[in-house]
Amino acid sequence: MSGRRPDSARRRVVAVVGWGAVLVVAIALRFHNIAWGAVPFVDEAIYWRVQLLSFIDPDPAKLLTWPIFYPTLYGYVAGASVGVAHLLGFVPRPAMQYLDAVIVARCVSGVAGIGSVLLVGALGRRMESKAAGLAAAALLAVVPIEVTQTH
C-alpha cells in the first residue's frame, strides 16, 4: 500500500473539480460576449484606438508619445497582442474599423482577470488554507466589478 488514506484521494478529486469549476466560471464570465457594444466605449474609441493601432505598423517615435491616461504596461501588452494578432491575420490593416483591435485588448484584460483569480486563490491557500484559497478564488471569479472591468 502507498500509506495514503482513502479519503485523501477523494479530497484531491474534490479540489481538482472545485478549481476546475472556478476556472470555468471565471473564463465564461470574462469572455462571454466579449465583443458586446458595436460601438466601443468612449475611452476605447479615443485613446485605445491610437495606442493599439500604432502596433500594427510600429514606429518607435509613435510608441513612446502616447498621452498617459492608463497604466502604460497594459497599453504595451495589449498593443503587442494586437500586433501579433495582425501578423497572424486576425486584425486587418486599419482603415476606420478598429473594433478587432479593441476585442484583442479586451481578451488581454480577460486573461489578466483569470490570472488574478488564480493569484488570489494561491495567496488564500498559502496564507490560510486550501479551502480558503478556493473560496477566495471563487469569490473573485464572480465579483461583478472584477468581471465587468476585465470584460
Protein backbone atom coordinates (compact mmCIF):
# COMPACT_ATOMS: atom_id res chain seq x y z
CA MET A 1 0.00 0.00 0.00
CA SER A 2 1.04 3.55 -0.54
CA GLY A 3 0.17 4.59 3.00
CA ARG A 4 -2.33 7.22 1.87
CA ARG A 5 -5.70 7.44 3.50
CA PRO A 6 -8.64 6.58 1.23
CA ASP A 7 -10.26 10.00 1.74
CA SER A 8 -7.09 11.86 0.67
CA ALA A 9 -7.66 10.73 -2.92
CA ARG A 10 -11.26 11.88 -2.64
CA ARG A 11 -10.15 15.26 -1.28
CA ARG A 12 -7.79 15.67 -4.20
CA VAL A 13 -10.59 14.93 -6.67
CA VAL A 14 -12.88 17.41 -4.91
CA ALA A 15 -10.12 20.06 -5.03
CA VAL A 16 -9.47 19.49 -8.73
CA VAL A 17 -13.19 19.62 -9.53
CA GLY A 18 -13.59 22.75 -7.38
CA TRP A 19 -10.69 24.58 -9.05
CA GLY A 20 -11.91 23.43 -12.45
CA ALA A 21 -15.38 24.82 -11.75
CA VAL A 22 -13.94 28.14 -10.54
CA LEU A 23 -11.80 28.47 -13.67
CA VAL A 24 -14.67 27.56 -16.00
CA VAL A 25 -16.88 30.19 -14.35
CA ALA A 26 -14.09 32.81 -14.43
CA ILE A 27 -13.38 32.14 -18.11
CA ALA A 28 -17.06 32.09 -19.07
CA LEU A 29 -17.85 35.35 -17.32
CA ARG A 30 -14.83 37.18 -18.72
CA PHE A 31 -15.12 36.00 -22.31
CA HIS A 32 -18.87 35.67 -22.80
CA ASN A 33 -19.97 38.22 -25.37
CA ILE A 34 -16.54 39.87 -25.40
CA ALA A 35 -17.44 41.88 -28.50
CA TRP A 36 -20.56 43.47 -26.99
CA GLY A 37 -21.10 47.05 -27.93
CA ALA A 38 -20.98 47.51 -31.70
CA VAL A 39 -19.54 50.93 -30.92
CA PRO A 40 -16.72 50.69 -28.37
CA PHE A 41 -16.78 52.75 -25.21
CA VAL A 42 -15.54 56.34 -25.38
CA ASP A 43 -12.11 55.54 -23.95
CA GLU A 44 -11.71 52.68 -26.42
CA ALA A 45 -12.73 54.94 -29.30
CA ILE A 46 -10.49 57.88 -28.41
CA TYR A 47 -7.48 56.63 -26.51
CA TRP A 48 -7.08 52.94 -27.27
CA ARG A 49 -7.64 53.35 -30.99
CA VAL A 50 -4.44 55.37 -31.36
CA GLN A 51 -2.43 53.25 -28.98
CA LEU A 52 -3.49 49.81 -30.18
CA LEU A 53 -3.31 50.53 -33.90
CA SER A 54 0.18 52.02 -33.59
CA PHE A 55 1.45 48.47 -33.04
CA ILE A 56 0.27 47.31 -36.46
CA ASP A 57 2.85 49.45 -38.24
CA PRO A 58 5.22 50.10 -35.34
CA ASP A 59 7.10 53.36 -35.36
CA PRO A 60 9.36 53.89 -32.32
CA ALA A 61 8.54 57.59 -32.27
CA LYS A 62 4.79 56.85 -32.03
CA LEU A 63 5.21 54.10 -29.45
CA LEU A 64 6.69 56.49 -26.89
CA THR A 65 4.50 59.55 -27.36
CA TRP A 66 1.03 58.50 -26.14
CA PRO A 67 -0.80 60.58 -23.62
CA ILE A 68 -0.71 58.61 -20.40
CA PHE A 69 -4.23 58.13 -19.07
CA TYR A 70 -3.96 54.45 -18.23
CA PRO A 71 -1.21 52.21 -16.89
CA THR A 72 1.46 52.04 -19.56
CA LEU A 73 2.37 48.37 -19.16
CA TYR A 74 -1.17 47.35 -20.07
CA GLY A 75 -1.03 49.56 -23.17
CA TYR A 76 2.17 47.91 -24.34
CA VAL A 77 0.95 44.37 -23.61
CA ALA A 78 -2.41 44.99 -25.31
CA GLY A 79 -0.72 46.76 -28.22
CA ALA A 80 1.84 43.99 -28.69
CA SER A 81 -1.03 41.47 -28.65
CA VAL A 82 -2.78 43.47 -31.36
CA GLY A 83 0.45 43.49 -33.38
CA VAL A 84 0.78 39.70 -33.07
CA ALA A 85 -2.91 39.23 -33.93
CA HIS A 86 -2.36 41.41 -37.01
CA LEU A 87 0.63 39.32 -38.09
CA LEU A 88 -1.49 36.18 -37.69
CA GLY A 89 -4.28 37.71 -39.80
CA PHE A 90 -6.86 38.27 -37.04
CA VAL A 91 -6.72 42.07 -37.14
CA PRO A 92 -6.90 43.61 -40.62
CA ARG A 93 -4.93 46.68 -41.60
CA PRO A 94 -6.72 49.61 -40.02
CA ALA A 95 -8.93 51.85 -42.03
CA MET A 96 -11.66 53.27 -39.84
CA GLN A 97 -12.58 49.91 -38.30
CA TYR A 98 -10.66 49.18 -35.13
CA LEU A 99 -13.12 47.01 -33.22
CA ASP A 100 -10.99 43.93 -33.89
CA ALA A 101 -8.06 45.58 -32.10
CA VAL A 102 -10.32 46.51 -29.18
CA ILE A 103 -11.53 42.89 -28.92
CA VAL A 104 -7.92 41.69 -28.73
CA ALA A 105 -7.27 44.23 -25.95
CA ARG A 106 -10.39 43.03 -24.12
CA CYS A 107 -9.08 39.47 -24.37
CA VAL A 108 -5.80 40.61 -22.78
CA SER A 109 -7.86 42.06 -19.92
CA GLY A 110 -9.80 38.80 -19.62
CA VAL A 111 -6.61 36.75 -19.38
CA ALA A 112 -5.29 39.16 -16.73
CA GLY A 113 -8.55 38.75 -14.81
CA ILE A 114 -8.22 34.97 -14.87
CA GLY A 115 -4.65 35.37 -13.65
CA SER A 116 -5.98 37.50 -10.78
CA VAL A 117 -8.41 34.75 -9.81
CA LEU A 118 -5.57 32.21 -9.74
CA LEU A 119 -3.29 34.55 -7.81
CA VAL A 120 -5.91 35.35 -5.17
CA GLY A 121 -6.61 31.64 -4.79
CA ALA A 122 -2.93 30.84 -4.38
CA LEU A 123 -2.48 33.62 -1.83
CA GLY A 124 -5.52 32.48 0.15
CA ARG A 125 -4.24 28.93 0.15
CA ARG A 126 -0.79 29.96 1.27
CA MET A 127 -1.97 32.39 3.94
CA GLU A 128 -4.87 30.39 5.39
CA SER A 129 -5.85 27.01 3.94
CA LYS A 130 -6.74 25.16 0.76
CA ALA A 131 -10.44 25.77 1.38
CA ALA A 132 -9.85 29.50 1.96
CA GLY A 133 -7.86 29.75 -1.28
CA LEU A 134 -10.60 28.06 -3.25
CA ALA A 135 -13.27 30.23 -1.62
CA ALA A 136 -11.29 33.41 -2.35
CA ALA A 137 -10.79 32.41 -5.98
CA ALA A 138 -14.48 31.52 -6.35
CA LEU A 139 -15.50 34.86 -4.90
CA LEU A 140 -13.21 36.85 -7.19
CA ALA A 141 -14.39 34.80 -10.17
CA VAL A 142 -17.93 36.16 -9.78
CA VAL A 143 -17.48 39.64 -8.26
CA PRO A 144 -19.37 41.91 -10.70
CA ILE A 145 -16.92 44.82 -10.70
CA GLU A 146 -14.00 42.49 -11.46
CA VAL A 147 -15.92 40.73 -14.23
CA THR A 148 -17.10 43.95 -15.92
CA GLN A 149 -13.77 45.73 -15.67
CA THR A 150 -11.87 42.81 -17.20
CA HIS A 151 -14.51 42.41 -19.89
